Amino acid sequence: MSTLYLIRHGKIPRSEPRRFVGQQNLPLTAQGREQIARLAEYLSTCSVWYKEEHHRPLLAIFDDAELLPPTYEEWRVRAEEKKTEVEAAGDQVLKVFIDPVTFSEWCDKKNLPKDANSRTELALEVAQARSSSL
């Protein structure tokens, strides 16, 4: 059995007065980014993955690199364990691969820090783009 989640975007500046804003691509507020991070933690079925050759360059640009395993192998084992845990619960995992150049450009364009919340937001954005093209 599959579950379909209908998710509205996080809080944006124009939604403050509680009015309809249309279809503009507006940036999230700090609260909106927190909402996205909590949602990502809840869903945790789409996750950021790295290729081995990108691990060190990504750690060099991440603002929170100290929170990640220092070696690719340690990271890969942890990621595979989480993937197995999610799949055992009956969910599918969508792997979203990132590279240092694309991730850095994406964060700079959106004026976001290069941290876990941004990695999650990118994974969700990619997942949403993939699902809307089906």
N, C-alpha and C. Protein backbone atom coordinates (compact mmCIF):
# COMPACT_ATOMS: atom_id res chain seq x y z
N MET A 1 0.84 -1.18 0.00
CA MET A 1 0.00 0.00 0.00
C MET A 1 0.88 1.24 0.00
N SER A 2 0.55 2.21 -0.83
CA SER A 2 1.31 3.46 -0.92
C SER A 2 0.60 4.56 -0.17
N THR A 3 1.38 5.53 0.26
CA THR A 3 0.83 6.70 0.92
C THR A 3 1.12 7.92 0.07
N LEU A 4 0.15 8.76 -0.15
CA LEU A 4 0.33 9.99 -0.90
C LEU A 4 0.27 11.15 0.09
N TYR A 5 1.31 11.97 0.09
CA TYR A 5 1.35 13.14 0.94
C TYR A 5 1.11 14.38 0.09
N LEU A 6 0.17 15.19 0.46
CA LEU A 6 -0.06 16.48 -0.19
C LEU A 6 0.54 17.53 0.74
N ILE A 7 1.55 18.21 0.25
CA ILE A 7 2.31 19.11 1.09
C ILE A 7 2.28 20.52 0.51
N ARG A 8 1.93 21.46 1.33
CA ARG A 8 1.95 22.86 0.94
C ARG A 8 3.33 23.41 1.27
N HIS A 9 3.74 24.43 0.55
CA HIS A 9 5.05 25.03 0.82
C HIS A 9 5.11 25.57 2.24
N GLY A 10 6.31 25.84 2.71
CA GLY A 10 6.49 26.45 4.03
C GLY A 10 6.10 27.92 3.98
N LYS A 11 6.19 28.56 5.11
CA LYS A 11 5.76 29.95 5.23
C LYS A 11 6.64 30.87 4.37
N ILE A 12 5.98 31.79 3.66
CA ILE A 12 6.66 32.79 2.84
C ILE A 12 6.24 34.17 3.33
N PRO A 13 7.03 35.21 3.00
CA PRO A 13 6.70 36.55 3.52
C PRO A 13 5.28 37.02 3.21
N ARG A 14 4.81 36.79 2.01
CA ARG A 14 3.48 37.30 1.64
C ARG A 14 2.34 36.52 2.27
N SER A 15 2.61 35.36 2.86
CA SER A 15 1.52 34.62 3.49
C SER A 15 1.27 35.11 4.91
N GLU A 16 2.10 36.04 5.36
CA GLU A 16 1.94 36.59 6.71
C GLU A 16 0.53 37.14 6.96
N PRO A 17 -0.04 37.95 6.03
CA PRO A 17 -1.38 38.49 6.28
C PRO A 17 -2.49 37.45 6.04
N ARG A 18 -2.11 36.21 5.73
CA ARG A 18 -3.04 35.11 5.52
C ARG A 18 -3.93 35.35 4.30
N ARG A 19 -3.30 35.73 3.20
CA ARG A 19 -4.05 35.92 1.97
C ARG A 19 -3.43 35.07 0.86
N PHE A 20 -4.21 34.83 -0.17
CA PHE A 20 -3.75 34.04 -1.32
C PHE A 20 -2.71 34.84 -2.08
N VAL A 21 -1.59 34.20 -2.43
CA VAL A 21 -0.51 34.93 -3.08
C VAL A 21 -0.31 34.59 -4.54
N GLY A 22 -0.90 33.56 -5.05
CA GLY A 22 -0.70 33.22 -6.46
C GLY A 22 0.43 32.23 -6.64
N GLN A 23 1.00 32.24 -7.82
CA GLN A 23 2.00 31.23 -8.14
C GLN A 23 3.36 31.86 -8.38
N GLN A 24 3.86 32.58 -7.45
CA GLN A 24 5.18 33.17 -7.54
C GLN A 24 6.16 32.29 -6.78
N ASN A 25 7.39 32.27 -7.21
CA ASN A 25 8.41 31.50 -6.53
C ASN A 25 9.09 32.40 -5.50
N LEU A 26 8.48 32.53 -4.35
CA LEU A 26 8.99 33.41 -3.30
C LEU A 26 9.86 32.62 -2.33
N PRO A 27 10.87 33.27 -1.75
CA PRO A 27 11.73 32.57 -0.78
C PRO A 27 10.97 32.29 0.51
N LEU A 28 11.40 31.25 1.20
CA LEU A 28 10.80 30.91 2.48
C LEU A 28 11.30 31.85 3.57
N THR A 29 10.49 32.05 4.57
CA THR A 29 10.94 32.78 5.76
C THR A 29 11.76 31.81 6.60
N ALA A 30 12.35 32.32 7.68
CA ALA A 30 13.11 31.44 8.59
C ALA A 30 12.18 30.35 9.13
N GLN A 31 10.96 30.74 9.46
CA GLN A 31 9.99 29.75 9.95
C GLN A 31 9.67 28.73 8.86
N GLY A 32 9.56 29.18 7.62
CA GLY A 32 9.29 28.28 6.50
C GLY A 32 10.40 27.26 6.32
N ARG A 33 11.66 27.72 6.46
CA ARG A 33 12.79 26.80 6.35
C ARG A 33 12.77 25.78 7.49
N GLU A 34 12.39 26.23 8.69
CA GLU A 34 12.26 25.29 9.81
C GLU A 34 11.16 24.27 9.54
N GLN A 35 10.06 24.73 8.96
CA GLN A 35 8.96 23.81 8.63
C GLN A 35 9.44 22.76 7.64
N ILE A 36 10.20 23.18 6.64
CA ILE A 36 10.73 22.25 5.64
C ILE A 36 11.67 21.25 6.30
N ALA A 37 12.52 21.71 7.19
CA ALA A 37 13.45 20.81 7.86
C ALA A 37 12.71 19.77 8.70
N ARG A 38 11.66 20.20 9.41
CA ARG A 38 10.88 19.25 10.21
C ARG A 38 10.16 18.25 9.32
N LEU A 39 9.63 18.73 8.21
CA LEU A 39 8.95 17.85 7.27
C LEU A 39 9.94 16.83 6.70
N ALA A 40 11.11 17.29 6.36
CA ALA A 40 12.12 16.38 5.81
C ALA A 40 12.51 15.31 6.82
N GLU A 41 12.65 15.71 8.07
CA GLU A 41 12.97 14.74 9.11
C GLU A 41 11.84 13.72 9.24
N TYR A 42 10.61 14.20 9.14
CA TYR A 42 9.46 13.31 9.25
C TYR A 42 9.42 12.32 8.08
N LEU A 43 9.57 12.85 6.89
CA LEU A 43 9.49 11.98 5.72
C LEU A 43 10.74 11.12 5.57
N SER A 44 11.87 11.73 5.65
CA SER A 44 13.19 11.09 5.56
C SER A 44 13.29 9.98 4.52
N THR A 45 12.49 10.05 3.50
CA THR A 45 12.57 9.03 2.46
C THR A 45 13.28 9.53 1.22
N CYS A 46 13.56 10.81 1.15
CA CYS A 46 14.44 11.27 0.08
C CYS A 46 15.67 11.82 0.79
N SER A 47 16.81 11.39 0.36
CA SER A 47 18.01 11.78 1.08
C SER A 47 19.13 12.12 0.12
N VAL A 48 20.02 12.95 0.61
CA VAL A 48 21.16 13.38 -0.17
C VAL A 48 22.22 12.28 -0.12
N TRP A 49 22.76 11.98 -1.29
CA TRP A 49 23.83 10.99 -1.41
C TRP A 49 25.00 11.64 -2.11
N TYR A 50 26.18 11.10 -1.86
CA TYR A 50 27.40 11.62 -2.46
C TYR A 50 28.13 10.50 -3.18
N LYS A 51 28.79 10.86 -4.25
CA LYS A 51 29.71 9.93 -4.88
C LYS A 51 31.03 10.04 -4.12
N GLU A 52 31.77 8.98 -4.10
CA GLU A 52 33.01 8.97 -3.31
C GLU A 52 33.93 10.13 -3.68
N GLU A 53 34.05 10.42 -4.97
CA GLU A 53 34.97 11.48 -5.40
C GLU A 53 34.50 12.88 -4.98
N HIS A 54 33.24 13.01 -4.57
CA HIS A 54 32.71 14.31 -4.15
C HIS A 54 32.74 14.49 -2.63
N HIS A 55 32.99 13.42 -1.88
CA HIS A 55 32.88 13.49 -0.42
C HIS A 55 33.79 14.56 0.17
N ARG A 56 35.08 14.51 -0.09
CA ARG A 56 36.00 15.50 0.50
C ARG A 56 35.70 16.93 0.04
N PRO A 57 35.49 17.15 -1.27
CA PRO A 57 35.16 18.53 -1.70
C PRO A 57 33.86 19.05 -1.06
N LEU A 58 32.88 18.17 -0.87
CA LEU A 58 31.64 18.61 -0.21
C LEU A 58 31.90 18.96 1.24
N LEU A 59 32.65 18.12 1.94
CA LEU A 59 32.97 18.44 3.34
C LEU A 59 33.66 19.79 3.46
N ALA A 60 34.48 20.12 2.47
CA ALA A 60 35.21 21.39 2.49
C ALA A 60 34.28 22.60 2.39
N ILE A 61 33.12 22.43 1.76
CA ILE A 61 32.21 23.58 1.61
C ILE A 61 31.04 23.57 2.60
N PHE A 62 30.78 22.43 3.25
CA PHE A 62 29.66 22.36 4.18
C PHE A 62 29.94 23.19 5.43
N ASP A 63 28.96 23.98 5.85
CA ASP A 63 29.09 24.76 7.08
C ASP A 63 29.03 23.88 8.32
N ASP A 64 28.50 22.68 8.17
CA ASP A 64 28.34 21.77 9.31
C ASP A 64 29.11 20.46 9.12
N ALA A 65 30.23 20.54 8.43
CA ALA A 65 31.01 19.34 8.09
C ALA A 65 31.42 18.54 9.33
N GLU A 66 31.58 19.24 10.44
CA GLU A 66 32.00 18.55 11.67
C GLU A 66 30.95 17.56 12.18
N LEU A 67 29.73 17.67 11.69
CA LEU A 67 28.65 16.77 12.12
C LEU A 67 28.59 15.49 11.28
N LEU A 68 29.36 15.45 10.21
CA LEU A 68 29.33 14.30 9.31
C LEU A 68 30.54 13.39 9.52
N PRO A 69 30.39 12.12 9.17
CA PRO A 69 31.54 11.22 9.27
C PRO A 69 32.70 11.74 8.42
N PRO A 70 33.93 11.62 8.92
CA PRO A 70 35.07 12.18 8.20
C PRO A 70 35.47 11.42 6.94
N THR A 71 35.09 10.15 6.84
CA THR A 71 35.46 9.39 5.64
C THR A 71 34.22 9.00 4.86
N TYR A 72 34.41 8.81 3.56
CA TYR A 72 33.31 8.40 2.71
C TYR A 72 32.75 7.06 3.16
N GLU A 73 33.62 6.13 3.49
CA GLU A 73 33.16 4.80 3.88
C GLU A 73 32.29 4.85 5.13
N GLU A 74 32.69 5.63 6.12
CA GLU A 74 31.87 5.77 7.33
C GLU A 74 30.52 6.40 6.99
N TRP A 75 30.52 7.42 6.12
CA TRP A 75 29.27 8.06 5.72
C TRP A 75 28.39 7.06 4.97
N ARG A 76 28.98 6.31 4.02
CA ARG A 76 28.22 5.37 3.20
C ARG A 76 27.56 4.30 4.06
N VAL A 77 28.29 3.76 5.04
CA VAL A 77 27.73 2.74 5.93
C VAL A 77 26.53 3.32 6.69
N ARG A 78 26.69 4.51 7.21
CA ARG A 78 25.59 5.15 7.96
C ARG A 78 24.39 5.41 7.05
N ALA A 79 24.64 5.89 5.84
CA ALA A 79 23.55 6.17 4.89
C ALA A 79 22.83 4.89 4.49
N GLU A 80 23.57 3.83 4.27
CA GLU A 80 22.96 2.54 3.90
C GLU A 80 22.13 1.99 5.06
N GLU A 81 22.60 2.16 6.29
CA GLU A 81 21.84 1.70 7.46
C GLU A 81 20.51 2.45 7.55
N LYS A 82 20.54 3.76 7.33
CA LYS A 82 19.31 4.57 7.37
C LYS A 82 18.37 4.14 6.25
N LYS A 83 18.92 3.89 5.06
CA LYS A 83 18.13 3.45 3.92
C LYS A 83 17.43 2.13 4.24
N THR A 84 18.15 1.20 4.83
CA THR A 84 17.59 -0.10 5.19
C THR A 84 16.48 0.07 6.23
N GLU A 85 16.69 0.96 7.18
CA GLU A 85 15.69 1.23 8.23
C GLU A 85 14.41 1.80 7.61
N VAL A 86 14.54 2.74 6.70
CA VAL A 86 13.37 3.36 6.06
C VAL A 86 12.63 2.34 5.22
N GLU A 87 13.37 1.54 4.46
CA GLU A 87 12.74 0.53 3.61
C GLU A 87 12.06 -0.56 4.44
N ALA A 88 12.64 -0.89 5.59
CA ALA A 88 12.03 -1.89 6.47
C ALA A 88 10.69 -1.40 7.01
N ALA A 89 10.53 -0.08 7.08
CA ALA A 89 9.27 0.50 7.54
C ALA A 89 8.24 0.55 6.41
N GLY A 90 8.63 0.08 5.23
CA GLY A 90 7.70 0.03 4.11
C GLY A 90 7.76 1.21 3.17
N ASP A 91 8.72 2.11 3.37
CA ASP A 91 8.85 3.29 2.52
C ASP A 91 9.97 3.08 1.50
N GLN A 92 9.91 3.85 0.43
CA GLN A 92 10.96 3.83 -0.57
C GLN A 92 11.90 5.00 -0.32
N VAL A 93 13.15 4.82 -0.69
CA VAL A 93 14.14 5.88 -0.53
C VAL A 93 14.49 6.44 -1.90
N LEU A 94 14.41 7.74 -2.01
CA LEU A 94 14.82 8.42 -3.23
C LEU A 94 16.20 9.01 -2.96
N LYS A 95 17.20 8.53 -3.67
CA LYS A 95 18.56 9.05 -3.52
C LYS A 95 18.72 10.26 -4.42
N VAL A 96 19.10 11.38 -3.82
CA VAL A 96 19.38 12.60 -4.57
C VAL A 96 20.87 12.86 -4.45
N PHE A 97 21.59 12.67 -5.53
CA PHE A 97 23.04 12.87 -5.53
C PHE A 97 23.36 14.34 -5.74
N ILE A 98 24.28 14.85 -4.93
CA ILE A 98 24.72 16.23 -5.10
C ILE A 98 26.23 16.24 -5.35
N ASP A 99 26.68 17.32 -5.98
CA ASP A 99 28.10 17.51 -6.21
C ASP A 99 28.46 18.90 -5.69
N PRO A 100 29.74 19.15 -5.43
CA PRO A 100 30.13 20.42 -4.80
C PRO A 100 29.75 21.66 -5.62
N VAL A 101 29.94 21.62 -6.92
CA VAL A 101 29.68 22.81 -7.74
C VAL A 101 28.19 23.12 -7.78
N THR A 102 27.38 22.13 -8.11
CA THR A 102 25.93 22.35 -8.22
C THR A 102 25.33 22.76 -6.88
N PHE A 103 25.71 22.07 -5.80
CA PHE A 103 25.16 22.40 -4.49
C PHE A 103 25.55 23.82 -4.07
N SER A 104 26.80 24.17 -4.28
CA SER A 104 27.26 25.50 -3.91
C SER A 104 26.53 26.58 -4.69
N GLU A 105 26.37 26.38 -6.00
CA GLU A 105 25.65 27.35 -6.83
C GLU A 105 24.19 27.45 -6.40
N TRP A 106 23.57 26.31 -6.09
CA TRP A 106 22.17 26.30 -5.67
C TRP A 106 22.00 27.09 -4.37
N CYS A 107 22.89 26.84 -3.41
CA CYS A 107 22.82 27.57 -2.13
C CYS A 107 23.05 29.06 -2.32
N ASP A 108 24.05 29.41 -3.14
CA ASP A 108 24.34 30.82 -3.37
C ASP A 108 23.15 31.52 -4.03
N LYS A 109 22.55 30.87 -5.00
CA LYS A 109 21.40 31.45 -5.71
C LYS A 109 20.24 31.72 -4.75
N LYS A 110 20.05 30.84 -3.78
CA LYS A 110 18.94 30.97 -2.83
C LYS A 110 19.36 31.67 -1.54
N ASN A 111 20.64 32.07 -1.49
CA ASN A 111 21.19 32.73 -0.29
C ASN A 111 21.00 31.87 0.96
N LEU A 112 21.34 30.60 0.84
CA LEU A 112 21.20 29.65 1.94
C LEU A 112 22.57 29.19 2.42
N PRO A 113 22.66 28.84 3.70
CA PRO A 113 23.91 28.27 4.19
C PRO A 113 24.10 26.88 3.58
N LYS A 114 25.30 26.42 3.57
CA LYS A 114 25.60 25.09 3.01
C LYS A 114 25.58 24.08 4.16
N ASP A 115 24.38 23.78 4.64
CA ASP A 115 24.24 22.91 5.80
C ASP A 115 23.18 21.83 5.57
N ALA A 116 22.89 21.08 6.62
CA ALA A 116 21.95 19.95 6.52
C ALA A 116 20.56 20.40 6.07
N ASN A 117 20.09 21.53 6.58
CA ASN A 117 18.77 22.01 6.17
C ASN A 117 18.73 22.30 4.68
N SER A 118 19.78 22.90 4.17
CA SER A 118 19.82 23.20 2.73
C SER A 118 19.94 21.93 1.91
N ARG A 119 20.73 20.97 2.38
CA ARG A 119 20.82 19.70 1.67
C ARG A 119 19.46 19.03 1.60
N THR A 120 18.74 19.08 2.70
CA THR A 120 17.40 18.49 2.76
C THR A 120 16.45 19.24 1.84
N GLU A 121 16.51 20.55 1.86
CA GLU A 121 15.63 21.36 1.01
C GLU A 121 15.90 21.05 -0.47
N LEU A 122 17.17 20.90 -0.83
CA LEU A 122 17.49 20.55 -2.21
C LEU A 122 16.95 19.17 -2.57
N ALA A 123 17.12 18.21 -1.67
CA ALA A 123 16.61 16.86 -1.93
C ALA A 123 15.10 16.88 -2.12
N LEU A 124 14.39 17.63 -1.29
CA LEU A 124 12.94 17.74 -1.42
C LEU A 124 12.55 18.43 -2.72
N GLU A 125 13.30 19.45 -3.11
CA GLU A 125 13.02 20.16 -4.36
C GLU A 125 13.19 19.22 -5.56
N VAL A 126 14.26 18.43 -5.54
CA VAL A 126 14.50 17.48 -6.63
C VAL A 126 13.40 16.42 -6.64
N ALA A 127 13.05 15.91 -5.47
CA ALA A 127 12.00 14.90 -5.37
C ALA A 127 10.67 15.44 -5.89
N GLN A 128 10.37 16.68 -5.54
CA GLN A 128 9.12 17.30 -6.00
C GLN A 128 9.15 17.48 -7.51
N ALA A 129 10.27 17.89 -8.05
CA ALA A 129 10.37 18.07 -9.51
C ALA A 129 10.20 16.73 -10.23
N ARG A 130 10.78 15.69 -9.67
CA ARG A 130 10.65 14.37 -10.28
C ARG A 130 9.22 13.87 -10.22
N SER A 131 8.55 14.09 -9.08
CA SER A 131 7.19 13.58 -8.94
C SER A 131 6.20 14.37 -9.79
N SER A 132 6.43 15.64 -10.00
CA SER A 132 5.50 16.42 -10.79
C SER A 132 5.68 16.16 -12.27
N SER A 133 6.80 15.54 -12.66
CA SER A 133 7.01 15.23 -14.07
C SER A 133 6.50 13.85 -14.45
N LEU A 134 5.95 13.10 -13.48
CA LEU A 134 5.45 11.77 -13.76
C LEU A 134 4.11 11.80 -14.44
